[in-house]
């Protein structure tokens, strides 16, 4: 590794043993980086130097900030972090806030100063924040004033956190924590980006936590650029005139890429929205003439139902990720807008999308092919490739890869140099990958392997179904049976003649769409389904032994 610029060596000291690292493919034409590299110098300072200083970078309903204005605010905060706060390269800084220009400025300033960004979902409670603070040994935080209460409670459990700087504070702020106005006047004094090594840790991204304890994934400065230089360059193909928008939080690497790093890397701009509903996002696209949208399949499905109410003529590309994209949702969105969704699978461990397809190369039912710069294959339990069309585990490697923060689960995720994402796939002779299920979502019933998401996709084609989740539940005769949890559309239960009648109709529907053995032998109707803040269905909460949401 290149000599580190970090004075606080915690992050590098707690990387996995080299023998547990995945093989890294760093010699590709798009990912050859110098030994010394600061990601924010490349994303922001370089754009100002290239003459884009007056071009819009960050947008919100309150205003538009040019690249030069963002740079000035980032430099102002970086001086505060390394001056009055006394932080040194390598210190971890917790970020807590909703998607807005201030949070973006915080992330950029932290990384530019050579600190390590630990962004967290705004809805996390103290009980969820405290383990993150302890795991990453965080000593400082930048927190939106509206989210301070839970951080204070977490701080009581993690006394190592000694400094909290508040932003977005109301006028007359008198609380003990100091505040900074990130959108007001700034000093104008430039800040020289820390000369970090390309393999210095820039961020620790904690998994969204669908099961077990959160895992911190450590990503280098070069990883931030690699995620910008592969999927966007080869699949998304953005232009400087594009206006990005969407729903994933910046604390989620899907959002960090799509709603901050990608637009900056390509000289474009991003509309950051704190709150959104399907109607709200569509209205924002119309009002701001947004052209690229990132969100989860569920949101695209909900927006499709009301898309006709809005002028979406500016919208040209839409990216779906975070969970499996049912073909019914793809077709619904295309019918409503004329836009072919760009599907993608990524992982927090890999930082962003590594399998996808351009709009003109979509193959029905497939996520796509491996993104240039990565390699992927489907393997059996021993790690050997399976024949085309056979089901197995997805294995991936590329310029990015899993490096857990001091976590024994590293040995489970990385095997023989490959990252095992925990997904079950097939791959055809043309290299198109077809998602089957999360490995722990595969249902084995009477000897048959049944992928829960496949049954979900079939149910979603029925006009009565708004949302659904499918899991296996124990059964004495069959080992497991398929159970569907269904959120019906308004009025559909009454129209069908009651819950029992609608359940039978859905069971018959699946029998006609899929092999009959895959139909849900049990159907339960719910008002909602449990999801993470990123919109990912929490199937483990539908299994027996856990309370309903």
Protein backbone atom coordinates (compact mmCIF):
# COMPACT_ATOMS: atom_id res chain seq x y z
CA UNK A 1 0.00 0.00 0.00
CA UNK A 2 1.05 3.61 -0.59
CA UNK A 3 2.32 5.47 2.51
CA UNK A 4 -0.74 6.93 4.23
CA UNK A 5 -1.47 10.60 4.84
CA UNK A 6 -3.53 9.64 7.89
CA UNK A 7 -2.11 10.74 11.22
CA UNK A 8 -4.84 8.72 12.92
CA UNK A 9 -4.18 5.27 11.49
CA UNK A 10 -7.28 3.54 12.91
CA UNK A 11 -8.87 2.81 9.52
CA UNK A 12 -5.80 1.29 7.91
CA UNK A 13 -4.95 -0.58 11.12
CA UNK A 14 -8.38 -2.25 11.09
CA UNK A 15 -8.47 -3.35 7.47
CA UNK A 16 -8.82 -7.13 7.05
CA UNK A 17 -5.68 -9.21 6.78
CA UNK A 18 -4.33 -9.08 3.20
CA UNK A 19 -5.08 -12.80 2.76
CA UNK A 20 -8.79 -12.02 3.22
CA UNK A 21 -8.96 -9.25 0.63
CA UNK A 22 -10.67 -9.83 -2.69
CA UNK A 23 -8.57 -9.77 -5.84
CA UNK A 24 -8.56 -6.18 -7.11
CA UNK A 25 -8.51 -5.47 -10.85
CA UNK A 26 -6.74 -2.12 -11.03
CA UNK A 27 -5.14 -2.19 -14.47
CA UNK A 28 -8.27 -1.46 -16.53
CA UNK A 29 -8.15 1.57 -18.84
CA UNK A 30 -10.73 3.47 -16.75
CA UNK A 31 -9.30 2.88 -13.28
CA UNK A 32 -5.59 3.63 -13.40
CA UNK A 33 -5.10 6.22 -10.71
CA UNK A 34 -1.99 7.89 -9.28
CA UNK A 35 -0.66 6.70 -5.94
CA UNK A 36 -1.64 9.98 -4.28
CA UNK A 37 -5.24 10.99 -4.82
CA UNK A 38 -7.95 12.94 -3.01
CA UNK A 39 -11.40 12.06 -4.31
CA UNK A 40 -12.89 15.51 -3.67
CA UNK A 41 -10.00 17.27 -5.37
CA UNK A 42 -10.88 15.17 -8.43
CA UNK A 43 -14.66 15.58 -8.15
CA UNK A 44 -14.87 19.27 -7.25
CA UNK A 45 -11.61 21.23 -7.45
CA UNK A 46 -10.74 19.77 -10.85
CA UNK A 47 -14.09 20.90 -12.28
CA UNK A 48 -13.51 24.48 -11.14
CA UNK A 49 -10.02 24.33 -12.66
CA UNK A 50 -11.54 23.06 -15.92
CA UNK A 51 -13.68 26.19 -16.20
CA UNK A 52 -16.96 24.89 -14.77
CA UNK A 53 -16.88 27.18 -11.75
CA UNK A 54 -20.08 29.02 -12.67
CA UNK A 55 -21.98 25.88 -13.73
CA UNK A 56 -24.68 24.61 -11.35
CA UNK A 57 -23.61 21.78 -9.05
CA UNK A 58 -26.11 21.43 -6.17
CA UNK A 59 -29.79 22.29 -6.41
CA UNK A 60 -32.67 22.35 -3.95
CA UNK A 61 -36.06 24.01 -3.70
CA UNK A 62 -34.28 26.84 -1.85
CA UNK A 63 -31.58 27.62 -4.39
CA UNK A 64 -28.85 26.62 -6.81
CA UNK A 65 -25.13 26.53 -5.95
CA UNK A 66 -22.40 26.64 -8.58
CA UNK A 67 -19.25 24.55 -8.49
CA UNK A 68 -17.30 27.58 -7.29
CA UNK A 69 -19.84 28.33 -4.54
CA UNK A 70 -19.80 24.71 -3.39
CA UNK A 71 -16.00 24.71 -3.38
CA UNK A 72 -15.93 27.86 -1.22
CA UNK A 73 -18.36 26.33 1.29
CA UNK A 74 -16.49 23.02 1.36
CA UNK A 75 -13.21 24.86 1.98
CA UNK A 76 -14.81 26.97 4.73
CA UNK A 77 -15.99 23.85 6.57
CA UNK A 78 -12.70 22.02 6.01
CA UNK A 79 -10.90 24.89 7.75
CA UNK A 80 -13.30 24.58 10.72
CA UNK A 81 -12.78 20.81 10.93
CA UNK A 82 -9.00 21.06 10.95
CA UNK A 83 -8.78 24.37 12.83
CA UNK A 84 -11.20 25.01 15.72
CA UNK A 85 -12.25 21.35 15.90
CA UNK A 86 -8.64 20.18 15.76
CA UNK A 87 -9.29 17.08 13.66
CA UNK A 88 -6.42 15.37 11.87
CA UNK A 89 -6.37 13.15 8.76
CA UNK A 90 -7.77 9.73 9.51
CA UNK A 91 -10.22 10.85 12.25
CA UNK A 92 -13.74 9.53 11.64
CA UNK A 93 -16.59 12.05 11.36
CA UNK A 94 -20.21 10.95 11.68
CA UNK A 95 -22.59 12.68 9.28
CA UNK A 96 -26.25 12.90 10.17
CA UNK A 97 -28.76 14.64 7.94
CA UNK A 98 -31.31 14.42 5.17
CA UNK A 99 -30.44 14.84 1.50
CA UNK A 100 -29.76 18.55 0.99
CA UNK A 101 -26.86 20.78 -0.13
CA UNK A 102 -25.60 21.14 3.45
CA UNK A 103 -25.13 17.39 3.89
CA UNK A 104 -23.38 17.20 0.52
CA UNK A 105 -21.02 20.00 1.61
CA UNK A 106 -20.31 18.13 4.86
CA UNK A 107 -19.36 14.93 3.02
CA UNK A 108 -17.15 16.76 0.55
CA UNK A 109 -15.39 18.79 3.27
CA UNK A 110 -14.70 15.76 5.44
CA UNK A 111 -13.15 13.78 2.60
CA UNK A 112 -11.23 16.77 1.21
CA UNK A 113 -9.65 17.28 4.65
CA UNK A 114 -8.42 13.67 4.69
CA UNK A 115 -10.92 12.66 7.35
CA UNK A 116 -13.10 9.55 7.07
CA UNK A 117 -16.81 10.10 6.40
CA UNK A 118 -19.24 7.88 8.31
CA UNK A 119 -22.63 8.87 6.91
CA UNK A 120 -25.77 7.55 8.61
CA UNK A 121 -29.41 7.28 7.60
CA UNK A 122 -31.40 10.18 9.06
CA UNK A 123 -34.05 7.93 10.59
CA UNK A 124 -31.63 5.91 12.72
CA UNK A 125 -32.33 5.96 16.44
CA UNK A 126 -29.82 6.14 19.28
CA UNK A 127 -29.77 2.36 19.70
CA UNK A 128 -28.69 2.06 16.06
CA UNK A 129 -26.29 5.00 16.06
CA UNK A 130 -24.36 3.95 19.17
CA UNK A 131 -22.94 0.69 17.69
CA UNK A 132 -21.78 2.64 14.63
CA UNK A 133 -20.08 5.25 16.80
CA UNK A 134 -18.32 2.53 18.76
CA UNK A 135 -17.42 0.34 15.82
CA UNK A 136 -15.84 3.20 13.88
CA UNK A 137 -14.48 4.90 17.03
CA UNK A 138 -16.00 8.20 15.99
CA UNK A 139 -14.87 11.29 17.89
CA UNK A 140 -16.67 14.06 15.96
CA UNK A 141 -20.01 14.55 14.23
CA UNK A 142 -21.71 17.00 11.87
CA UNK A 143 -25.44 16.86 12.57
CA UNK A 144 -28.54 18.57 11.22
CA UNK A 145 -30.09 20.47 14.14
CA UNK A 146 -33.41 18.67 13.58
CA UNK A 147 -31.77 15.29 14.20
CA UNK A 148 -29.71 16.19 17.24
CA UNK A 149 -31.83 14.56 19.95
CA UNK A 150 -31.11 10.96 18.95
CA UNK A 151 -27.43 11.73 18.48
CA UNK A 152 -27.27 13.12 22.01
CA UNK A 153 -28.77 9.89 23.32
CA UNK A 154 -26.27 7.86 21.31
CA UNK A 155 -23.43 10.06 22.58
CA UNK A 156 -24.35 9.09 26.12
CA UNK A 157 -23.67 5.47 25.14
CA UNK A 158 -20.48 6.33 23.26
CA UNK A 159 -18.54 8.94 25.24
CA UNK A 160 -15.71 8.78 22.70
CA UNK A 161 -17.85 11.19 20.63
CA UNK A 162 -16.66 14.46 22.16
CA UNK A 163 -17.40 17.03 19.45
CA UNK A 164 -20.72 17.68 17.73
CA UNK A 165 -21.05 20.54 15.25
CA UNK A 166 -24.61 21.42 14.25
CA UNK A 167 -25.72 22.79 10.90
CA UNK A 168 -29.11 24.07 9.79
CA UNK A 169 -29.71 25.60 13.23
CA UNK A 170 -32.56 28.11 13.62
CA UNK A 171 -31.79 31.76 14.32
CA UNK A 172 -30.83 32.39 17.93
CA UNK A 173 -29.36 28.91 18.50
CA UNK A 174 -28.45 28.66 22.21
CA UNK A 175 -27.87 24.93 22.67
CA UNK A 176 -24.45 23.73 23.96
CA UNK A 177 -23.36 22.37 20.59
CA UNK A 178 -21.70 24.95 18.30
CA UNK A 179 -23.35 25.59 14.94
CA UNK A 180 -22.16 26.47 11.46
CA UNK A 181 -24.12 28.03 8.59
CA UNK A 182 -23.00 26.10 5.54
CA UNK A 183 -25.13 28.09 3.09
CA UNK A 184 -24.34 31.57 4.39
CA UNK A 185 -21.32 33.85 3.90
CA UNK A 186 -17.94 32.11 3.95
CA UNK A 187 -14.36 33.21 4.53
CA UNK A 188 -13.26 32.64 0.95
CA UNK A 189 -9.92 31.21 2.09
CA UNK A 190 -8.97 28.26 -0.12
CA UNK A 191 -8.27 24.89 1.51
CA UNK A 192 -5.57 22.70 0.05
CA UNK A 193 -6.90 19.15 -0.27
CA UNK A 194 -5.13 16.63 1.93
CA UNK A 195 -2.65 14.66 -0.17
CA UNK A 196 -4.15 11.32 0.73
CA UNK A 197 -2.97 8.05 -0.73
CA UNK A 198 -5.25 6.53 -3.33
CA UNK A 199 -5.69 3.63 -0.89
CA UNK A 200 -6.36 5.75 2.19
CA UNK A 201 -9.87 5.13 3.54
CA UNK A 202 -12.26 7.92 2.51
CA UNK A 203 -15.51 6.53 3.92
CA UNK A 204 -16.92 3.78 6.08
CA UNK A 205 -20.35 2.78 4.78
CA UNK A 206 -22.47 0.75 7.14
CA UNK A 207 -24.80 -1.80 5.59
CA UNK A 208 -28.51 -1.07 5.66
CA UNK A 209 -28.93 -3.85 8.19
CA UNK A 210 -31.61 -6.24 6.94
CA UNK A 211 -30.13 -8.89 9.24
CA UNK A 212 -27.82 -8.98 12.22
CA UNK A 213 -25.36 -6.37 13.37
CA UNK A 214 -24.34 -3.58 10.96
CA UNK A 215 -21.12 -4.11 9.07
CA UNK A 216 -18.83 -1.21 8.22
CA UNK A 217 -17.42 -1.38 4.72
CA UNK A 218 -14.26 0.64 4.13
CA UNK A 219 -13.71 2.33 0.77
CA UNK A 220 -10.64 4.13 -0.49
CA UNK A 221 -10.35 7.43 -2.34
CA UNK A 222 -9.73 5.49 -5.55
CA UNK A 223 -12.90 3.46 -4.94
CA UNK A 224 -14.97 6.66 -5.00
CA UNK A 225 -13.57 7.51 -8.42
CA UNK A 226 -13.86 3.92 -9.68
CA UNK A 227 -17.60 3.87 -9.01
CA UNK A 228 -17.84 7.08 -11.07
CA UNK A 229 -15.68 5.84 -13.94
CA UNK A 230 -17.34 2.49 -14.70
CA UNK A 231 -21.15 2.21 -14.39
CA UNK A 232 -21.85 5.87 -15.29
CA UNK A 233 -19.33 5.97 -18.15
CA UNK A 234 -20.36 2.72 -19.82
CA UNK A 235 -24.04 2.32 -18.89
CA UNK A 236 -25.58 5.61 -17.77
CA UNK A 237 -23.60 7.95 -20.07
CA UNK A 238 -24.53 11.27 -18.43
CA UNK A 239 -23.85 14.71 -19.91
CA UNK A 240 -22.86 17.99 -18.26
CA UNK A 241 -26.36 19.32 -18.95
CA UNK A 242 -28.03 16.56 -16.94
CA UNK A 243 -29.87 17.24 -13.69
CA UNK A 244 -29.84 14.18 -11.42
CA UNK A 245 -32.52 13.51 -8.81
CA UNK A 246 -33.91 10.63 -6.77
CA UNK A 247 -34.64 9.17 -3.38
CA UNK A 248 -31.71 7.10 -1.99
CA UNK A 249 -30.04 8.74 1.02
CA UNK A 250 -26.49 9.98 0.59
CA UNK A 251 -25.61 7.67 3.50
CA UNK A 252 -26.44 4.75 1.18
CA UNK A 253 -23.71 4.22 -1.42
CA UNK A 254 -26.40 3.94 -4.13
CA UNK A 255 -27.33 7.53 -3.23
CA UNK A 256 -23.77 8.73 -2.68
CA UNK A 257 -22.93 7.74 -6.24
CA UNK A 258 -26.12 8.65 -8.04
CA UNK A 259 -26.91 11.84 -6.14
CA UNK A 260 -23.49 13.36 -5.50
CA UNK A 261 -20.37 11.77 -6.96
CA UNK A 262 -21.69 10.88 -10.43
CA UNK A 263 -23.05 14.34 -11.26
CA UNK A 264 -19.90 16.05 -10.00
CA UNK A 265 -17.60 13.69 -11.91
CA UNK A 266 -19.36 14.57 -15.18
CA UNK A 267 -19.80 18.30 -14.59
CA UNK A 268 -23.57 17.92 -14.15
CA UNK A 269 -25.81 18.97 -11.25
CA UNK A 270 -28.06 17.23 -8.75
CA UNK A 271 -31.40 18.16 -7.22
CA UNK A 272 -31.36 17.12 -3.56
CA UNK A 273 -34.75 16.55 -1.92
CA UNK A 274 -35.21 16.08 1.82
CA UNK A 275 -38.70 14.63 1.61
CA UNK A 276 -40.40 12.87 -1.23
CA UNK A 277 -43.53 11.02 -2.16
CA UNK A 278 -44.26 9.59 -5.61
CA UNK A 279 -46.21 12.73 -6.47
CA UNK A 280 -43.59 14.94 -4.84
CA UNK A 281 -40.71 13.47 -6.83
CA UNK A 282 -42.64 13.72 -10.10
CA UNK A 283 -43.56 17.33 -9.32
CA UNK A 284 -39.89 18.09 -8.61
CA UNK A 285 -38.83 16.51 -11.92
CA UNK A 286 -41.36 18.71 -13.69
CA UNK A 287 -40.45 21.90 -11.82
CA UNK A 288 -36.66 21.53 -12.07
CA UNK A 289 -36.54 19.80 -15.48
CA UNK A 290 -34.58 16.88 -14.03
CA UNK A 291 -33.27 14.39 -16.58
CA UNK A 292 -31.87 11.39 -14.61
CA UNK A 293 -33.70 9.71 -11.73
CA UNK A 294 -32.38 7.14 -9.24
CA UNK A 295 -34.81 5.23 -7.02
CA UNK A 296 -35.98 1.76 -5.99
CA UNK A 297 -38.44 -0.43 -7.94
CA UNK A 298 -41.26 0.16 -5.47
CA UNK A 299 -41.06 3.91 -6.04
CA UNK A 300 -41.08 3.53 -9.84
CA UNK A 301 -44.17 1.36 -9.53
CA UNK A 302 -45.91 3.93 -7.34
CA UNK A 303 -44.91 6.81 -9.62
CA UNK A 304 -46.14 4.99 -12.72
CA UNK A 305 -49.69 5.13 -11.39
CA UNK A 306 -49.67 8.96 -11.33
CA UNK A 307 -47.06 9.82 -13.98
CA UNK A 308 -49.68 11.03 -16.46
CA UNK A 309 -50.42 14.02 -14.23
CA UNK A 310 -46.97 15.54 -14.80
CA UNK A 311 -44.82 16.88 -17.61
CA UNK A 312 -41.87 14.50 -17.63
CA UNK A 313 -40.49 15.54 -21.01
CA UNK A 314 -37.12 16.45 -19.46
CA UNK A 315 -36.63 12.95 -18.00
CA UNK A 316 -34.42 10.78 -20.20
CA UNK A 317 -32.83 8.10 -17.98
CA UNK A 318 -34.03 6.21 -14.91
CA UNK A 319 -31.94 3.88 -12.75
CA UNK A 320 -33.48 1.18 -10.56
CA UNK A 321 -31.47 -0.55 -7.84
CA UNK A 322 -31.64 -1.49 -4.17
CA UNK A 323 -33.80 -4.57 -4.69
CA UNK A 324 -34.92 -6.84 -7.52
CA UNK A 325 -36.80 -5.11 -10.34
CA UNK A 326 -39.90 -7.14 -11.28
CA UNK A 327 -40.54 -7.20 -15.01
CA UNK A 328 -44.11 -6.06 -14.31
CA UNK A 329 -42.73 -2.85 -12.78
CA UNK A 330 -40.36 -2.33 -15.72
CA UNK A 331 -43.22 -2.63 -18.19
CA UNK A 332 -45.53 -0.46 -16.09
CA UNK A 333 -42.98 2.37 -16.00
CA UNK A 334 -42.23 2.07 -19.70
CA UNK A 335 -45.92 2.15 -20.52
CA UNK A 336 -46.43 5.23 -18.35
CA UNK A 337 -43.38 7.21 -19.48
CA UNK A 338 -41.86 5.58 -22.56
CA UNK A 339 -38.57 5.18 -20.64
CA UNK A 340 -36.78 1.83 -20.39
CA UNK A 341 -35.47 1.42 -16.85
CA UNK A 342 -31.75 0.84 -16.36
CA UNK A 343 -31.63 -1.96 -13.81
CA UNK A 344 -28.55 -2.58 -11.72
CA UNK A 345 -27.23 -4.70 -8.91
CA UNK A 346 -24.60 -3.37 -6.56
CA UNK A 347 -23.61 -3.85 -2.95
CA UNK A 348 -22.42 -1.67 -0.12
CA UNK A 349 -19.37 -3.94 -0.04
CA UNK A 350 -18.62 -3.15 -3.71
CA UNK A 351 -19.65 0.54 -3.31
CA UNK A 352 -21.94 0.62 -6.37
CA UNK A 353 -23.42 -1.15 -9.41
CA UNK A 354 -21.39 -3.87 -11.13
CA UNK A 355 -24.02 -5.60 -13.33
CA UNK A 356 -26.38 -3.60 -15.53
CA UNK A 357 -27.43 -2.93 -19.13
CA UNK A 358 -27.91 0.16 -21.24
CA UNK A 359 -31.47 0.93 -22.29
CA UNK A 360 -30.87 -0.36 -25.81
CA UNK A 361 -29.37 -3.63 -24.56
CA UNK A 362 -32.03 -4.71 -22.08
CA UNK A 363 -33.01 -8.38 -22.15
CA UNK A 364 -36.34 -9.17 -20.55
CA UNK A 365 -36.01 -10.65 -17.07
CA UNK A 366 -32.27 -9.93 -16.87
CA UNK A 367 -30.46 -7.27 -14.85
CA UNK A 368 -27.85 -7.09 -17.59
CA UNK A 369 -24.21 -7.95 -18.16
CA UNK A 370 -21.13 -7.25 -16.12
CA UNK A 371 -20.12 -3.59 -16.12
CA UNK A 372 -16.77 -3.11 -17.93
CA UNK A 373 -13.97 -3.18 -15.37
CA UNK A 374 -15.63 -5.94 -13.33
CA UNK A 375 -15.79 -9.71 -13.70
CA UNK A 376 -18.69 -11.86 -12.51
CA UNK A 377 -19.62 -15.51 -12.60
CA UNK A 378 -22.13 -17.91 -11.09
CA UNK A 379 -20.54 -20.55 -8.84
CA UNK A 380 -21.52 -23.57 -6.80
CA UNK A 381 -20.96 -24.02 -3.06
CA UNK A 382 -17.32 -24.98 -3.67
CA UNK A 383 -16.70 -21.86 -5.75
CA UNK A 384 -16.56 -23.57 -9.15
CA UNK A 385 -18.40 -21.98 -12.11
CA UNK A 386 -21.71 -23.62 -13.00
CA UNK A 387 -22.93 -24.20 -16.59
CA UNK A 388 -24.92 -21.53 -18.41
CA UNK A 389 -28.51 -21.52 -17.18
CA UNK A 390 -27.70 -23.29 -13.90
CA UNK A 391 -28.46 -21.64 -10.57
CA UNK A 392 -25.65 -20.70 -8.23
CA UNK A 393 -24.10 -17.95 -6.13
CA UNK A 394 -22.99 -14.69 -7.68
CA UNK A 395 -19.24 -14.02 -7.42
CA UNK A 396 -17.78 -10.66 -8.43
CA UNK A 397 -14.41 -8.94 -8.53
CA UNK A 398 -13.15 -5.64 -9.91
CA UNK A 399 -11.36 -2.46 -8.86
CA UNK A 400 -13.53 -2.26 -5.73
CA UNK A 401 -14.30 -4.96 -3.18
CA UNK A 402 -15.25 -5.90 0.33
CA UNK A 403 -13.07 -4.75 3.20
CA UNK A 404 -15.06 -4.93 6.43
CA UNK A 405 -14.02 -2.91 9.43
CA UNK A 406 -12.67 -5.41 11.96
CA UNK A 407 -15.32 -8.04 11.24
CA UNK A 408 -15.05 -11.83 11.17
CA UNK A 409 -17.71 -11.91 8.45
CA UNK A 410 -15.02 -10.85 5.96
CA UNK A 411 -14.14 -14.53 5.53
CA UNK A 412 -17.75 -15.28 4.56
CA UNK A 413 -18.01 -12.53 1.97
CA UNK A 414 -14.64 -13.04 0.25
CA UNK A 415 -13.64 -16.50 -0.95
CA UNK A 416 -10.62 -17.25 -3.15
CA UNK A 417 -10.38 -13.60 -4.16
CA UNK A 418 -14.05 -13.29 -5.19
CA UNK A 419 -16.76 -11.24 -3.48
CA UNK A 420 -19.80 -13.43 -2.76
CA UNK A 421 -22.72 -11.04 -2.65
CA UNK A 422 -25.26 -13.44 -1.12
CA UNK A 423 -27.39 -13.47 -4.28
CA UNK A 424 -28.54 -16.46 -6.30
CA UNK A 425 -28.28 -16.02 -10.10
CA UNK A 426 -28.24 -17.73 -13.44
CA UNK A 427 -26.26 -16.54 -16.45
CA UNK A 428 -27.03 -17.31 -20.10
CA UNK A 429 -24.62 -17.99 -22.96
CA UNK A 430 -24.56 -14.30 -23.88
CA UNK A 431 -23.40 -13.20 -20.43
CA UNK A 432 -26.76 -11.84 -19.25
CA UNK A 433 -27.33 -12.34 -15.54
CA UNK A 434 -30.76 -13.27 -14.16
CA UNK A 435 -31.48 -12.61 -10.50
CA UNK A 436 -33.20 -15.45 -8.63
CA UNK A 437 -33.13 -14.46 -4.96
CA UNK A 438 -30.99 -13.57 -2.04
CA UNK A 439 -29.35 -16.82 -1.03
CA UNK A 440 -31.30 -16.79 2.23
CA UNK A 441 -34.53 -16.04 0.35
CA UNK A 442 -34.45 -19.28 -1.62
CA UNK A 443 -37.41 -21.42 -0.52
CA UNK A 444 -37.02 -25.20 -0.60
CA UNK A 445 -40.44 -26.85 -0.64
CA UNK A 446 -40.93 -30.59 -1.17
CA UNK A 447 -37.54 -30.73 -2.88
CA UNK A 448 -38.22 -27.80 -5.20
CA UNK A 449 -36.10 -24.63 -5.12
CA UNK A 450 -38.40 -21.62 -5.32
CA UNK A 451 -37.14 -18.06 -5.53
CA UNK A 452 -39.31 -15.75 -3.47
CA UNK A 453 -38.77 -12.70 -5.74
CA UNK A 454 -39.98 -14.72 -8.74
CA UNK A 455 -43.29 -15.37 -6.99
CA UNK A 456 -43.43 -11.71 -5.99
CA UNK A 457 -42.95 -10.68 -9.62
CA UNK A 458 -45.83 -12.94 -10.67
CA UNK A 459 -48.14 -11.55 -7.99
CA UNK A 460 -47.32 -7.98 -9.00
CA UNK A 461 -48.76 -8.62 -12.45
CA UNK A 462 -52.22 -9.07 -10.88
CA UNK A 463 -54.27 -5.89 -10.90
CA UNK A 464 -55.31 -6.31 -7.25
CA UNK A 465 -51.74 -6.26 -5.87
CA UNK A 466 -50.04 -3.02 -4.86
CA UNK A 467 -47.06 -4.58 -3.05
CA UNK A 468 -46.05 -8.02 -1.90
CA UNK A 469 -43.33 -9.99 -0.14
CA UNK A 470 -42.80 -13.74 -0.32
CA UNK A 471 -40.92 -15.96 2.14
CA UNK A 472 -40.72 -19.60 3.11
CA UNK A 473 -42.30 -20.71 6.37
CA UNK A 474 -41.84 -24.07 8.12
CA UNK A 475 -44.18 -26.92 7.17
CA UNK A 476 -44.14 -30.45 8.60
CA UNK A 477 -44.94 -32.12 5.29
CA UNK A 478 -43.01 -30.05 2.76
CA UNK A 479 -40.22 -28.63 4.92
CA UNK A 480 -41.27 -25.16 3.85
CA UNK A 481 -44.21 -23.65 2.03
CA UNK A 482 -44.44 -20.40 0.12
CA UNK A 483 -46.25 -17.64 1.96
CA UNK A 484 -47.19 -14.33 0.36
CA UNK A 485 -47.77 -11.12 2.28
CA UNK A 486 -49.86 -8.88 0.07
CA UNK A 487 -50.79 -5.21 0.24
CA UNK A 488 -53.93 -5.06 -1.91
CA UNK A 489 -55.04 -2.05 -3.87
CA UNK A 490 -57.86 -0.05 -2.32
CA UNK A 491 -61.22 -1.77 -2.60
CA UNK A 492 -59.92 -5.00 -4.12
CA UNK A 493 -60.76 -7.25 -1.16
CA UNK A 494 -64.40 -6.15 -1.20
CA UNK A 495 -64.54 -6.39 -4.99
CA UNK A 496 -63.28 -9.98 -4.84
CA UNK A 497 -65.82 -10.97 -2.22
CA UNK A 498 -63.54 -11.07 0.81
CA UNK A 499 -60.00 -12.01 1.80
CA UNK A 500 -60.45 -15.73 1.20
CA UNK A 501 -61.78 -15.16 -2.30
CA UNK A 502 -58.98 -12.77 -3.21
CA UNK A 503 -56.37 -15.16 -1.79
CA UNK A 504 -57.72 -17.98 -3.99
CA UNK A 505 -57.70 -15.70 -7.01
CA UNK A 506 -54.07 -14.77 -6.41
CA UNK A 507 -53.08 -18.41 -5.89
CA UNK A 508 -54.75 -19.38 -9.16
CA UNK A 509 -53.07 -16.45 -10.89
CA UNK A 510 -49.59 -17.58 -9.83
CA UNK A 511 -50.36 -21.16 -10.88
CA UNK A 512 -51.11 -19.83 -14.35
CA UNK A 513 -48.05 -17.56 -14.51
CA UNK A 514 -45.43 -19.87 -12.97
CA UNK A 515 -44.98 -23.59 -12.48
CA UNK A 516 -47.87 -24.62 -10.19
CA UNK A 517 -45.57 -25.83 -7.40
CA UNK A 518 -44.44 -22.22 -6.89
CA UNK A 519 -47.83 -20.83 -5.91
CA UNK A 520 -48.21 -19.38 -2.39
CA UNK A 521 -49.99 -21.95 -0.25
CA UNK A 522 -50.59 -19.23 2.36
CA UNK A 523 -51.61 -15.62 1.71
CA UNK A 524 -51.79 -12.90 4.34
CA UNK A 525 -53.05 -9.40 3.65
CA UNK A 526 -51.27 -6.42 5.21
CA UNK A 527 -51.61 -2.66 5.15
CA UNK A 528 -47.86 -2.26 4.60
CA UNK A 529 -44.62 -4.21 4.33
CA UNK A 530 -41.42 -3.71 6.37
CA UNK A 531 -38.74 -1.85 4.44
CA UNK A 532 -35.39 -0.26 5.18
CA UNK A 533 -34.90 3.50 4.78
CA UNK A 534 -33.54 2.79 1.31
CA UNK A 535 -36.78 1.07 0.29
CA UNK A 536 -35.44 -2.47 0.45
CA UNK A 537 -37.97 -5.12 1.48
CA UNK A 538 -37.02 -6.71 4.81
CA UNK A 539 -38.14 -10.26 4.12
CA UNK A 540 -36.56 -11.50 7.34
CA UNK A 541 -39.22 -9.53 9.25
CA UNK A 542 -41.94 -11.48 7.47
CA UNK A 543 -40.63 -14.80 8.69
CA UNK A 544 -42.09 -16.47 11.81
CA UNK A 545 -40.85 -15.31 15.19
CA UNK A 546 -40.70 -11.58 14.47
CA UNK A 547 -43.50 -9.08 15.07
CA UNK A 548 -45.39 -7.58 12.17
CA UNK A 549 -44.45 -3.98 11.27
